Each structure stands twice: as structure tokens, then as C-alpha cells.
């Protein structure tokens, strides 16, 4: 497994997981709401646009304040640690390194395989 060394590489991996993993696409077959991710340490925003089973678009340095799912990462390093398997999603959430600002739990569970 390659080491993720930048947020850009993590974002590319999100796209790759959607494109190359049938299980992920099937979980998101009916999902079409934007997902807003913010990194509080750098004030960077990323928008994930899932178009059901038709594709995904990752927009770096973009935001949608009306997105029904909003997730804040305390630092960009938190995402890198998650992708490098140095930190688990549950531990990151329970320790406050990831905060779900808005979103239904059923949607968040669908996104877990895409992002973590």
C-alpha cells in the first residue's frame, strides 16, 4: 500500500475508490447529496459531489454552505493519518479530530467506505 503524503493524494484515492470498487458504488447508488469537508487548520474546503452510481466529482478549494452533509477535520494531518491507517475513524471521531457538523447517520455510514 502506498503512503499518502498530501490531501490531494487522499482526494484522488476517494475518486479511485468510487471508480474501482463495485461495493462502494453500490452503497452510493441512490446517493446524490454534496458532502462538504473542511480542514480547520488551513481553512481549506473540499466538496464531494456524488452522482448516484454515475460518477463522483471532487472539487478542491470549493464549498457549498447548503450541503446536507458537513464534516470538519481539525487538521489536514487527521485525514492523512486516516488514509495511512495510523488512525481509525471511530477514534478520530471520539477524540474530536473529526466533527460531523451536519448530516444523517445513515448517509455517513454510506460514506465511510468511500472516505475511510
C-alpha atoms as a PDB file:
ATOM      1  CA  UNK A   1       0.000   0.000   0.000  1.00  0.00           C
ATOM      2  CA  UNK A   2       1.364   3.386  -0.922  1.00  0.00           C
ATOM      3  CA  UNK A   3       1.745   6.100   1.657  1.00  0.00           C
ATOM      4  CA  UNK A   4      -0.492   9.129   1.322  1.00  0.00           C
ATOM      5  CA  UNK A   5       1.558  12.293   1.707  1.00  0.00           C
ATOM      6  CA  UNK A   6      -0.873  15.051   0.746  1.00  0.00           C
ATOM      7  CA  UNK A   7      -4.545  15.904   0.842  1.00  0.00           C
ATOM      8  CA  UNK A   8      -4.514  15.811  -2.955  1.00  0.00           C
ATOM      9  CA  UNK A   9      -3.452  12.149  -2.874  1.00  0.00           C
ATOM     10  CA  UNK A  10      -6.283  11.386  -0.413  1.00  0.00           C
ATOM     11  CA  UNK A  11      -8.810  13.134  -2.649  1.00  0.00           C
ATOM     12  CA  UNK A  12      -7.563  11.159  -5.644  1.00  0.00           C
ATOM     13  CA  UNK A  13      -7.974   7.971  -3.596  1.00  0.00           C
ATOM     14  CA  UNK A  14     -11.601   8.901  -2.865  1.00  0.00           C
ATOM     15  CA  UNK A  15     -12.196   9.135  -6.618  1.00  0.00           C
ATOM     16  CA  UNK A  16     -10.332   5.864  -7.210  1.00  0.00           C
ATOM     17  CA  UNK A  17     -12.364   4.018  -4.564  1.00  0.00           C
ATOM     18  CA  UNK A  18     -15.580   5.160  -6.188  1.00  0.00           C
ATOM     19  CA  UNK A  19     -14.455   4.303  -9.721  1.00  0.00           C
ATOM     20  CA  UNK A  20     -12.740   0.994  -8.968  1.00  0.00           C
ATOM     21  CA  UNK A  21     -14.784  -0.512  -6.131  1.00  0.00           C
ATOM     22  CA  UNK A  22     -18.165  -2.000  -7.015  1.00  0.00           C
ATOM     23  CA  UNK A  23     -19.104  -2.269  -3.333  1.00  0.00           C
ATOM     24  CA  UNK A  24     -18.628   1.492  -2.848  1.00  0.00           C
ATOM     25  CA  UNK A  25     -20.624   2.378  -5.975  1.00  0.00           C
ATOM     26  CA  UNK A  26     -23.460   0.050  -4.904  1.00  0.00           C
ATOM     27  CA  UNK A  27     -23.617   1.665  -1.461  1.00  0.00           C
ATOM     28  CA  UNK A  28     -23.874   5.076  -3.106  1.00  0.00           C
ATOM     29  CA  UNK A  29     -26.236   4.020  -5.917  1.00  0.00           C
ATOM     30  CA  UNK A  30     -29.009   6.282  -4.600  1.00  0.00           C
ATOM     31  CA  UNK A  31     -26.863   8.992  -3.010  1.00  0.00           C
ATOM     32  CA  UNK A  32     -26.688  12.395  -4.692  1.00  0.00           C
ATOM     33  CA  UNK A  33     -26.134  14.999  -1.998  1.00  0.00           C
ATOM     34  CA  UNK A  34     -22.997  17.151  -1.774  1.00  0.00           C
ATOM     35  CA  UNK A  35     -20.537  16.466   1.034  1.00  0.00           C
ATOM     36  CA  UNK A  36     -18.659  19.447   2.432  1.00  0.00           C
ATOM     37  CA  UNK A  37     -15.300  18.725   4.107  1.00  0.00           C
ATOM     38  CA  UNK A  38     -13.413  21.470   5.921  1.00  0.00           C
ATOM     39  CA  UNK A  39      -9.913  21.427   7.353  1.00  0.00           C
ATOM     40  CA  UNK A  40      -9.911  23.880  10.221  1.00  0.00           C
ATOM     41  CA  UNK A  41      -6.126  24.282  10.464  1.00  0.00           C
ATOM     42  CA  UNK A  42      -5.761  25.512   6.871  1.00  0.00           C
ATOM     43  CA  UNK A  43      -9.291  26.835   6.262  1.00  0.00           C
ATOM     44  CA  UNK A  44      -9.418  24.583   3.206  1.00  0.00           C
ATOM     45  CA  UNK A  45     -12.733  23.249   1.911  1.00  0.00           C
ATOM     46  CA  UNK A  46     -13.403  20.293  -0.348  1.00  0.00           C
ATOM     47  CA  UNK A  47     -16.691  19.396  -1.965  1.00  0.00           C
ATOM     48  CA  UNK A  48     -17.542  15.809  -2.916  1.00  0.00           C
ATOM     49  CA  UNK A  49     -20.311  15.579  -5.481  1.00  0.00           C
ATOM     50  CA  UNK A  50     -21.633  12.031  -5.722  1.00  0.00           C
ATOM     51  CA  UNK A  51     -23.982  11.469  -8.646  1.00  0.00           C
ATOM     52  CA  UNK A  52     -25.532   8.192  -7.526  1.00  0.00           C
ATOM     53  CA  UNK A  53     -23.858   5.351  -9.449  1.00  0.00           C
ATOM     54  CA  UNK A  54     -22.989   7.650 -12.363  1.00  0.00           C
ATOM     55  CA  UNK A  55     -19.799   9.205 -11.016  1.00  0.00           C
ATOM     56  CA  UNK A  56     -18.122  11.399  -8.466  1.00  0.00           C
ATOM     57  CA  UNK A  57     -16.516  14.808  -8.716  1.00  0.00           C
ATOM     58  CA  UNK A  58     -14.065  16.045  -6.123  1.00  0.00           C
ATOM     59  CA  UNK A  59     -13.707  19.826  -6.026  1.00  0.00           C
ATOM     60  CA  UNK A  60     -10.733  21.043  -4.033  1.00  0.00           C
ATOM     61  CA  UNK A  61     -10.973  24.557  -2.608  1.00  0.00           C
ATOM     62  CA  UNK A  62     -14.738  24.620  -3.136  1.00  0.00           C
ATOM     63  CA  UNK A  63     -17.643  24.797  -0.731  1.00  0.00           C
ATOM     64  CA  UNK A  64     -21.410  24.596  -0.513  1.00  0.00           C
ATOM     65  CA  UNK A  65     -22.803  26.050   2.698  1.00  0.00           C
ATOM     66  CA  UNK A  66     -26.129  24.349   1.944  1.00  0.00           C
ATOM     67  CA  UNK A  67     -24.591  20.872   1.758  1.00  0.00           C
ATOM     68  CA  UNK A  68     -26.659  18.441   3.846  1.00  0.00           C
ATOM     69  CA  UNK A  69     -23.507  16.620   4.995  1.00  0.00           C
ATOM     70  CA  UNK A  70     -20.698  18.657   6.546  1.00  0.00           C
ATOM     71  CA  UNK A  71     -17.613  17.195   8.166  1.00  0.00           C
ATOM     72  CA  UNK A  72     -14.837  19.168   9.860  1.00  0.00           C
ATOM     73  CA  UNK A  73     -11.333  17.833  10.319  1.00  0.00           C
ATOM     74  CA  UNK A  74      -9.310  19.613  12.999  1.00  0.00           C
ATOM     75  CA  UNK A  75      -6.183  19.259  10.820  1.00  0.00           C
ATOM     76  CA  UNK A  76      -5.265  18.019   7.366  1.00  0.00           C
ATOM     77  CA  UNK A  77      -2.951  15.557   9.126  1.00  0.00           C
ATOM     78  CA  UNK A  78      -6.022  13.813  10.551  1.00  0.00           C
ATOM     79  CA  UNK A  79      -7.149  12.846   7.052  1.00  0.00           C
ATOM     80  CA  UNK A  80      -3.629  11.719   6.145  1.00  0.00           C
ATOM     81  CA  UNK A  81      -3.492   9.577   9.303  1.00  0.00           C
ATOM     82  CA  UNK A  82      -6.861   8.007   8.426  1.00  0.00           C
ATOM     83  CA  UNK A  83      -5.822   7.149   4.881  1.00  0.00           C
ATOM     84  CA  UNK A  84      -2.454   5.804   6.070  1.00  0.00           C
ATOM     85  CA  UNK A  85      -4.269   3.624   8.651  1.00  0.00           C
ATOM     86  CA  UNK A  86      -2.409   5.334  11.508  1.00  0.00           C
ATOM     87  CA  UNK A  87      -5.741   6.420  12.992  1.00  0.00           C
ATOM     88  CA  UNK A  88      -9.160   4.801  12.920  1.00  0.00           C
ATOM     89  CA  UNK A  89     -12.318   6.703  12.007  1.00  0.00           C
ATOM     90  CA  UNK A  90     -14.069   5.887  15.296  1.00  0.00           C
ATOM     91  CA  UNK A  91     -11.081   7.015  17.374  1.00  0.00           C
ATOM     92  CA  UNK A  92     -10.720  10.188  15.290  1.00  0.00           C
ATOM     93  CA  UNK A  93     -14.400  10.963  15.826  1.00  0.00           C
ATOM     94  CA  UNK A  94     -14.469  10.111  19.537  1.00  0.00           C
ATOM     95  CA  UNK A  95     -11.348  12.168  20.212  1.00  0.00           C
ATOM     96  CA  UNK A  96     -12.800  15.211  18.425  1.00  0.00           C
ATOM     97  CA  UNK A  97     -10.389  15.171  15.475  1.00  0.00           C
ATOM     98  CA  UNK A  98     -13.381  14.771  13.149  1.00  0.00           C
ATOM     99  CA  UNK A  99     -16.638  16.576  13.799  1.00  0.00           C
ATOM    100  CA  UNK A 100     -19.868  15.908  11.978  1.00  0.00           C
ATOM    101  CA  UNK A 101     -21.352  19.373  11.672  1.00  0.00           C
ATOM    102  CA  UNK A 102     -24.415  18.235   9.784  1.00  0.00           C
ATOM    103  CA  UNK A 103     -25.693  15.016   8.291  1.00  0.00           C
ATOM    104  CA  UNK A 104     -27.850  11.980   8.864  1.00  0.00           C
ATOM    105  CA  UNK A 105     -26.108   8.961  10.339  1.00  0.00           C
ATOM    106  CA  UNK A 106     -27.387   6.644   7.570  1.00  0.00           C
ATOM    107  CA  UNK A 107     -25.693   8.834   4.958  1.00  0.00           C
ATOM    108  CA  UNK A 108     -22.491   8.997   6.970  1.00  0.00           C
ATOM    109  CA  UNK A 109     -22.351   5.206   7.176  1.00  0.00           C
ATOM    110  CA  UNK A 110     -22.596   5.009   3.378  1.00  0.00           C
ATOM    111  CA  UNK A 111     -19.708   7.443   3.049  1.00  0.00           C
ATOM    112  CA  UNK A 112     -17.429   5.528   5.401  1.00  0.00           C
ATOM    113  CA  UNK A 113     -16.216   3.120   2.702  1.00  0.00           C
ATOM    114  CA  UNK A 114     -15.596   5.993   0.333  1.00  0.00           C
ATOM    115  CA  UNK A 115     -13.560   8.082   2.730  1.00  0.00           C
ATOM    116  CA  UNK A 116     -12.028   5.766   5.337  1.00  0.00           C
END
